[in-house]
Protein backbone atom coordinates (compact mmCIF):
# COMPACT_ATOMS: atom_id res chain seq x y z
CA MET A 1 -8.91 -20.28 13.92
CA PHE A 2 -5.64 -18.34 14.23
CA GLN A 3 -3.68 -21.61 14.24
CA ARG A 4 -5.44 -22.62 11.02
CA ILE A 5 -4.64 -19.26 9.38
CA LYS A 6 -1.03 -19.58 10.51
CA LEU A 7 -0.86 -23.10 9.04
CA LEU A 8 -2.29 -21.91 5.72
CA LEU A 9 0.18 -19.02 5.59
CA ASN A 10 3.09 -21.32 6.37
CA LEU A 11 2.03 -23.92 3.80
CA SER A 12 1.71 -21.31 1.09
CA ARG A 13 4.72 -19.23 2.11
CA ALA A 14 2.43 -16.18 1.92
CA HIS A 15 3.95 -14.15 4.79
CA GLY A 16 6.64 -12.71 2.56
CA ILE A 17 4.26 -12.13 -0.32
CA ALA A 18 1.78 -10.24 1.88
CA ARG A 19 4.60 -8.20 3.43
CA ARG A 20 5.91 -7.23 -0.01
CA TYR A 21 2.42 -6.31 -1.19
CA PHE A 22 1.88 -4.21 1.95
CA PHE A 23 5.06 -2.24 1.37
CA THR A 24 4.76 -1.94 -2.40
CA ASN A 25 1.14 -0.87 -2.58
CA GLY A 26 1.35 1.15 0.64
CA TYR A 27 4.30 3.03 -0.82
CA ASP A 28 2.35 3.55 -4.06
CA GLY A 29 -0.49 5.02 -2.03
CA ALA A 30 1.84 7.32 -0.10
CA LEU A 31 3.59 8.60 -3.23
CA THR A 32 0.24 9.07 -4.98
CA MET A 33 -1.07 11.20 -2.11
CA LEU A 34 2.21 13.13 -2.03
CA GLY A 35 2.01 13.72 -5.78
CA LEU A 36 -1.58 14.88 -5.69
CA ASN A 37 -0.95 17.26 -2.83
CA MET A 38 2.23 18.63 -4.38
CA GLY A 39 0.14 19.41 -7.47
CA PHE A 40 -2.45 21.14 -5.30
CA TYR A 41 0.28 23.02 -3.43
CA SER A 42 1.97 24.26 -6.59
CA ASN A 43 -1.41 25.46 -7.90
CA GLY A 44 -2.05 27.37 -4.67
CA ASN A 45 -5.78 27.85 -5.13
CA VAL A 46 -7.26 24.41 -4.51
CA PRO A 47 -10.04 24.38 -1.89
CA THR A 48 -9.60 21.79 0.87
CA HIS A 49 -12.85 19.99 0.02
CA THR A 50 -11.71 19.62 -3.61
CA ALA A 51 -8.33 18.26 -2.54
CA SER A 52 -9.89 15.82 -0.07
CA SER A 53 -12.38 14.56 -2.68
CA ALA A 54 -9.65 14.03 -5.28
CA CYS A 55 -7.40 12.26 -2.77
CA LEU A 56 -10.24 10.05 -1.53
CA GLY A 57 -11.11 9.13 -5.11
CA ALA A 58 -7.50 8.15 -5.78
CA ALA A 59 -7.34 6.16 -2.52
CA ILE A 60 -10.48 4.22 -3.41
CA ALA A 61 -9.13 3.52 -6.90
CA LEU A 62 -5.87 2.24 -5.38
CA PHE A 63 -7.88 0.06 -2.98
CA ILE A 64 -9.96 -1.52 -5.73
CA SER A 65 -7.00 -1.89 -8.05
CA GLY A 66 -4.94 -3.46 -5.26
CA ILE A 67 -7.59 -6.00 -4.31
CA THR A 68 -8.52 -7.04 -7.82
CA SER A 69 -5.03 -7.16 -9.32
CA ALA A 70 -3.56 -9.15 -6.44
CA TYR A 71 -6.51 -11.54 -6.30
CA LEU A 72 -6.46 -12.21 -10.03
CA SER A 73 -2.70 -12.74 -10.22
CA GLU A 74 -2.31 -14.68 -6.96
CA SER A 75 -5.28 -16.97 -7.55
CA GLU A 76 -4.01 -17.90 -11.01
CA GLU A 77 -0.47 -18.46 -9.71
CA ARG A 78 -1.82 -20.66 -6.89
CA LYS A 79 -3.97 -22.67 -9.32
CA LYS A 80 -0.93 -23.21 -11.53
CA GLU A 81 1.27 -24.31 -8.60
CA LEU A 82 -1.44 -26.62 -7.26
CA GLY A 83 -1.99 -28.15 -10.69
CA GLU A 84 1.73 -28.76 -11.19
CA LEU A 85 2.03 -30.36 -7.75
CA GLU A 86 -1.04 -32.52 -8.35
CA SER A 87 0.42 -33.65 -11.69
CA ALA A 88 3.73 -34.52 -10.06
CA LEU A 89 2.05 -36.44 -7.23
CA VAL A 90 -0.69 -37.88 -9.46
CA THR A 91 -3.35 -37.06 -6.89
CA ASP A 92 -6.04 -34.47 -6.17
CA LEU A 93 -4.93 -32.07 -3.42
CA GLY A 94 -8.12 -29.96 -3.39
CA ASP A 95 -9.30 -31.19 0.04
CA THR A 96 -5.86 -31.05 1.67
CA GLU A 97 -4.59 -28.13 3.75
CA TYR A 98 -2.33 -27.16 0.87
CA GLY A 99 -5.29 -27.15 -1.53
CA LYS A 100 -7.31 -25.01 0.88
CA ALA A 101 -4.39 -22.62 1.27
CA SER A 102 -4.25 -22.27 -2.51
CA LYS A 103 -7.83 -21.02 -2.43
CA TRP A 104 -7.74 -18.79 0.66
CA VAL A 105 -4.31 -17.18 0.48
CA PRO A 106 -5.09 -15.11 -2.65
CA ILE A 107 -8.01 -13.53 -0.78
CA GLY A 108 -5.82 -12.59 2.19
CA VAL A 109 -3.03 -11.27 0.00
CA ALA A 110 -5.54 -9.28 -2.05
CA LEU A 111 -6.96 -7.69 1.10
CA VAL A 112 -3.47 -6.66 2.24
CA ASN A 113 -2.70 -5.29 -1.22
CA GLY A 114 -5.90 -3.25 -1.28
CA PHE A 115 -6.10 -2.03 2.29
CA ALA A 116 -2.44 -0.93 2.49
CA PRO A 117 -2.76 2.04 0.10
CA LEU A 118 -6.26 2.88 1.34
CA LEU A 119 -5.32 3.08 5.02
CA ILE A 120 -2.02 4.82 4.34
CA SER A 121 -3.75 7.32 2.05
CA LEU A 122 -6.43 8.03 4.65
CA LEU A 123 -3.74 8.61 7.26
CA ILE A 124 -1.89 11.01 4.98
CA ILE A 125 -4.96 13.02 3.98
CA SER A 126 -6.36 13.21 7.51
CA PRO A 127 -5.21 16.87 7.84
CA LEU A 128 -7.58 17.77 5.00
CA TYR A 129 -10.51 16.30 6.92
CA MET A 130 -9.31 17.78 10.19
CA ASP A 131 -9.35 21.22 8.57
CA GLN A 132 -12.90 20.66 7.32
CA MET A 133 -13.95 19.78 10.89
CA GLY A 134 -12.41 23.01 12.17
CA VAL A 135 -9.37 21.46 13.87
CA PRO A 136 -6.54 24.01 13.88
CA LEU A 137 -3.38 22.87 12.07
CA PRO A 138 0.14 24.32 12.43
CA LEU A 139 0.45 24.54 8.62
CA THR A 140 -2.04 24.88 5.80
CA PRO A 141 -4.07 21.70 5.20
CA ILE A 142 -2.16 20.88 1.99
CA GLU A 143 1.21 21.52 3.65
CA SER A 144 0.17 19.35 6.60
CA THR A 145 -0.77 16.57 4.20
CA ILE A 146 2.60 16.83 2.45
CA VAL A 147 4.39 16.60 5.80
CA ALA A 148 2.25 13.60 6.76
CA ALA A 149 3.18 11.93 3.46
CA PHE A 150 6.89 12.43 4.14
CA VAL A 151 6.53 11.01 7.66
CA VAL A 152 4.63 7.95 6.43
CA ILE A 153 7.11 7.37 3.59
CA PHE A 154 9.98 7.54 6.08
CA PHE A 155 8.29 4.96 8.32
CA LEU A 156 7.61 2.70 5.35
CA GLY A 157 11.34 2.88 4.62
CA LEU A 158 12.07 1.98 8.25
CA PHE A 159 9.70 -0.99 7.97
CA LEU A 160 11.50 -2.18 4.85
CA GLY A 161 14.87 -1.86 6.57
CA LYS A 162 13.65 -3.80 9.58
CA VAL A 163 12.26 -6.59 7.38
CA SER A 164 15.39 -6.83 5.23
CA GLY A 165 17.77 -6.66 8.18
CA THR A 166 19.59 -3.66 6.73
CA PHE A 167 20.34 -0.40 8.48
CA TRP A 168 16.83 0.94 9.10
CA LEU A 169 17.80 4.61 9.06
CA TRP A 170 19.38 4.28 5.62
CA THR A 171 16.25 2.71 4.13
CA GLY A 172 14.09 5.39 5.73
CA LEU A 173 16.30 8.16 4.37
CA ARG A 174 16.41 6.51 0.95
CA ALA A 175 12.60 6.47 0.88
CA LEU A 176 12.59 10.17 1.83
CA LEU A 177 15.09 10.93 -0.92
CA ILE A 178 12.80 9.31 -3.49
CA ALA A 179 9.86 11.32 -2.14
CA GLY A 180 11.94 14.51 -2.36
CA ILE A 181 12.95 13.78 -5.95
CA THR A 182 9.29 13.14 -6.76
CA CYS A 183 8.38 16.56 -5.35
CA LEU A 184 11.14 18.27 -7.31
CA ILE A 185 9.97 16.67 -10.54
CA ILE A 186 6.37 17.76 -9.88
CA ILE A 187 7.42 21.33 -9.09
CA THR A 188 9.71 21.47 -12.12
CA LEU A 189 6.99 20.27 -14.49
CA GLN A 190 4.42 22.81 -13.25
CA PHE A 191 4.14 25.68 -15.73
């Protein structure tokens, strides 16, 4: 089964697409959680259960948006590519491995695109749930969530640097810089 999946991924060149979707939508999820929690932090009076509910709602919306948008766009792109190749070859490729890859790869890519922000968001907001379960935290729950967001964003930057073959520390720091600028904008816009 794994050999078949590997063959389908190689035929469709989907490794890179899935990796880009993982980073892009995972990063969106991390910045969304950071933004929400910076808003809660600047307000100062948001109960933990309210913050966790709002963050979970946003994470679920990112999950559904990620799955549906990637599936719709990738399946249409794959249909177009398959149709163009079939026209050029003057043959039906539906029962070939390439034809099967054109049908299955959009599902896999959509799952990556949806689960990346969901899982990353759940990781970031875990301090909110830990607080609700009575687990002592070194900072307030919102502050702990903000720190978790910065850590995850840094590691996403490291991942991107590793994939691109560039200096990993620079890409991690660049991701942190963007997160810091995001926080400054949120704080500045709070009245």
